[in-house]
Amino acid sequence: MLLASSLATVGAGAMSLAVFTDSKASTGAWTTGTIILGVAPATSFNATGIMPGDTGTQVIAVSNTGTGQLRYAMTTAISGDSKGLAAQMTLSITTGPIAAGVCTGASVYSGTLTAAALGNPAQGADAGDRTVNSAATDNLCFQWTFPKASGNGFQAAATNATFTFAAEQTANN
């Protein structure tokens, strides 16, 4: 009887080894930001029949429609220039608007059309790079001049300039 009672107790003890348990899941979701550079207008200048002493202006809007702050640089490539017109012409780039046909903001570039550049397109922050916050625009005023002292060697000269804007994220860079 004692043996039967001990076996019954052991059986009851085995049943009491059960524990309550529970589990829950936690999920994560990741989406990346964007760097979306806009430049308007697509054609900055189409000046024909210019004469020594002529000048022209154009505001170029550099916009960021992405979700992160961007940093940009600008380079210039010259083509179709058999007489050296691009090296003869001067270009100034300022921040801000045009007032009475003249760019009025702070200067960010002044020199020849051939060397026009802002910052450096290499990755990372460089001197002269410009930043644009998300949903913002950086207005640059370009003003070209064909110097009055330009001689007869520039008659019927032509040149094309392509301004290339390269952007990158500023966060963690």
Protein backbone atom coordinates (compact mmCIF):
# COMPACT_ATOMS: atom_id res chain seq x y z
CA MET A 1 0.00 0.00 0.00
CA LEU A 2 2.84 2.30 0.79
CA LEU A 3 4.36 1.43 -2.57
CA ALA A 4 1.13 2.15 -4.43
CA SER A 5 0.76 5.46 -2.66
CA SER A 6 4.37 6.42 -3.55
CA LEU A 7 3.79 5.61 -7.23
CA ALA A 8 0.63 7.70 -7.24
CA THR A 9 2.56 10.62 -5.74
CA VAL A 10 5.33 10.32 -8.35
CA GLY A 11 2.71 10.32 -11.11
CA ALA A 12 1.07 13.43 -9.69
CA GLY A 13 4.46 15.16 -9.45
CA ALA A 14 5.19 14.47 -13.10
CA MET A 15 1.96 16.14 -14.03
CA SER A 16 2.81 19.27 -12.03
CA LEU A 17 6.02 19.93 -14.00
CA ALA A 18 3.99 21.81 -16.67
CA VAL A 19 4.66 25.61 -17.02
CA PHE A 20 2.72 28.38 -18.65
CA THR A 21 4.36 29.93 -21.78
CA ASP A 22 3.65 32.70 -24.21
CA SER A 23 5.39 34.37 -27.18
CA LYS A 24 4.85 37.49 -29.25
CA ALA A 25 6.53 38.73 -32.46
CA SER A 26 7.81 42.22 -33.18
CA THR A 27 8.34 43.23 -36.80
CA GLY A 28 10.57 45.86 -38.35
CA ALA A 29 10.29 47.69 -41.65
CA TRP A 30 12.93 49.72 -43.45
CA THR A 31 12.66 52.13 -46.37
CA THR A 32 15.48 54.17 -47.82
CA GLY A 33 15.48 57.89 -48.45
CA THR A 34 16.06 59.52 -51.82
CA ILE A 35 18.33 62.12 -53.38
CA ILE A 36 16.54 63.63 -56.38
CA LEU A 37 18.26 66.56 -58.07
CA GLY A 38 16.38 68.85 -60.42
CA VAL A 39 17.81 71.56 -62.68
CA ALA A 40 15.62 74.05 -64.54
CA PRO A 41 15.60 75.26 -67.20
CA ALA A 42 17.19 72.44 -69.16
CA THR A 43 18.57 74.91 -71.71
CA SER A 44 20.25 77.79 -69.90
CA PHE A 45 21.26 79.97 -72.83
CA ASN A 46 20.69 80.22 -76.56
CA ALA A 47 22.41 83.49 -77.40
CA THR A 48 22.86 84.12 -81.12
CA GLY A 49 24.29 87.07 -82.99
CA ILE A 50 26.08 88.39 -79.92
CA MET A 51 28.48 91.31 -80.29
CA PRO A 52 31.44 92.42 -78.16
CA GLY A 53 30.07 94.05 -75.02
CA ASP A 54 26.88 91.95 -74.92
CA THR A 55 25.81 90.25 -71.71
CA GLY A 56 23.00 87.96 -70.65
CA THR A 57 21.57 86.42 -67.49
CA GLN A 58 19.66 83.31 -66.52
CA VAL A 59 18.56 81.95 -63.16
CA ILE A 60 19.06 78.20 -62.87
CA ALA A 61 17.02 76.53 -60.14
CA VAL A 62 18.76 73.57 -58.50
CA SER A 63 16.07 71.69 -56.59
CA ASN A 64 15.89 68.72 -54.24
CA THR A 65 12.66 66.74 -54.42
CA GLY A 66 14.15 63.82 -52.51
CA THR A 67 13.75 63.05 -48.82
CA GLY A 68 17.33 63.74 -47.68
CA GLN A 69 19.58 66.77 -47.77
CA LEU A 70 21.90 66.76 -50.78
CA ARG A 71 25.25 68.31 -51.61
CA TYR A 72 26.06 69.20 -55.21
CA ALA A 73 28.89 70.36 -57.43
CA MET A 74 28.87 71.70 -60.98
CA THR A 75 31.33 71.19 -63.83
CA THR A 76 31.40 72.64 -67.34
CA ALA A 77 32.24 70.86 -70.61
CA ILE A 78 32.86 72.90 -73.76
CA SER A 79 32.25 71.61 -77.28
CA GLY A 80 32.08 72.98 -80.83
CA ASP A 81 34.55 75.78 -80.09
CA SER A 82 37.04 76.13 -82.95
CA LYS A 83 37.98 79.79 -82.26
CA GLY A 84 38.35 79.77 -78.45
CA LEU A 85 35.16 81.72 -77.76
CA ALA A 86 34.52 79.96 -74.43
CA ALA A 87 37.94 81.04 -73.11
CA GLN A 88 37.18 84.61 -74.22
CA MET A 89 33.76 84.83 -72.57
CA THR A 90 33.39 85.49 -68.87
CA LEU A 91 30.83 83.96 -66.57
CA SER A 92 29.79 84.91 -63.08
CA ILE A 93 27.53 82.81 -60.89
CA THR A 94 25.85 84.30 -57.85
CA THR A 95 23.19 83.24 -55.41
CA GLY A 96 19.89 84.95 -55.71
CA PRO A 97 17.79 86.72 -58.28
CA ILE A 98 18.19 89.09 -61.20
CA ALA A 99 17.47 92.77 -60.58
CA ALA A 100 17.42 95.17 -63.55
CA GLY A 101 19.15 92.56 -65.73
CA VAL A 102 22.01 91.99 -63.26
CA CYS A 103 22.65 89.10 -60.88
CA THR A 104 22.50 90.54 -57.36
CA GLY A 105 23.48 87.78 -54.90
CA ALA A 106 26.78 86.68 -53.38
CA SER A 107 29.41 85.48 -55.86
CA VAL A 108 30.13 81.74 -56.01
CA TYR A 109 32.12 81.76 -59.29
CA SER A 110 33.74 84.40 -61.50
CA GLY A 111 36.03 83.59 -64.42
CA THR A 112 36.02 82.21 -67.93
CA LEU A 113 33.23 80.06 -69.30
CA THR A 114 35.72 77.21 -69.87
CA ALA A 115 36.64 76.94 -66.17
CA ALA A 116 33.17 77.40 -64.66
CA ALA A 117 32.78 75.06 -61.68
CA LEU A 118 31.29 74.87 -58.21
CA GLY A 119 32.75 72.50 -55.65
CA ASN A 120 34.03 69.09 -56.61
CA PRO A 121 31.92 66.12 -57.78
CA ALA A 122 34.19 63.68 -55.86
CA GLN A 123 32.41 61.93 -52.99
CA GLY A 124 32.43 63.76 -49.68
CA ALA A 125 32.28 67.40 -48.65
CA ASP A 126 34.57 69.62 -50.71
CA ALA A 127 35.22 73.37 -50.74
CA GLY A 128 32.60 75.09 -52.89
CA ASP A 129 30.02 72.28 -52.72
CA ARG A 130 26.50 73.60 -52.13
CA THR A 131 23.75 71.98 -50.05
CA VAL A 132 20.01 71.87 -50.63
CA ASN A 133 17.55 70.60 -48.04
CA SER A 134 14.70 68.27 -48.95
CA ALA A 135 11.85 70.11 -50.74
CA ALA A 136 14.07 73.20 -51.24
CA THR A 137 15.65 75.04 -54.18
CA ASP A 138 18.99 76.81 -54.61
CA ASN A 139 18.66 79.59 -57.20
CA LEU A 140 21.87 80.40 -59.06
CA CYS A 141 22.12 83.43 -61.31
CA PHE A 142 24.42 82.93 -64.33
CA GLN A 143 25.64 86.08 -66.09
CA TRP A 144 27.79 85.81 -69.21
CA THR A 145 29.70 88.61 -70.90
CA PHE A 146 31.35 88.75 -74.31
CA PRO A 147 34.11 91.29 -73.56
CA LYS A 148 33.99 94.54 -75.50
CA ALA A 149 37.70 94.23 -76.29
CA SER A 150 37.13 91.00 -78.26
CA GLY A 151 38.69 91.37 -81.71
CA ASN A 152 37.74 90.41 -85.26
CA GLY A 153 39.12 86.89 -84.73
CA PHE A 154 35.89 86.06 -82.89
CA GLN A 155 33.53 86.91 -85.75
CA ALA A 156 31.27 83.93 -86.58
CA ALA A 157 32.62 82.03 -83.54
CA ALA A 158 30.45 79.51 -81.73
CA THR A 159 30.66 77.46 -78.56
CA ASN A 160 28.49 75.13 -76.52
CA ALA A 161 28.69 74.68 -72.75
CA THR A 162 27.16 71.83 -70.81
CA PHE A 163 26.78 72.52 -67.09
CA THR A 164 26.63 69.20 -65.23
CA PHE A 165 25.30 69.15 -61.68
CA ALA A 166 26.25 66.10 -59.59
CA ALA A 167 24.56 65.46 -56.23
CA GLU A 168 25.13 63.13 -53.29
CA GLN A 169 23.67 62.61 -49.84
CA THR A 170 25.08 64.64 -46.96
CA ALA A 171 23.99 62.22 -44.21
CA ASN A 172 26.84 59.92 -43.17
CA ASN A 173 28.98 61.25 -45.99
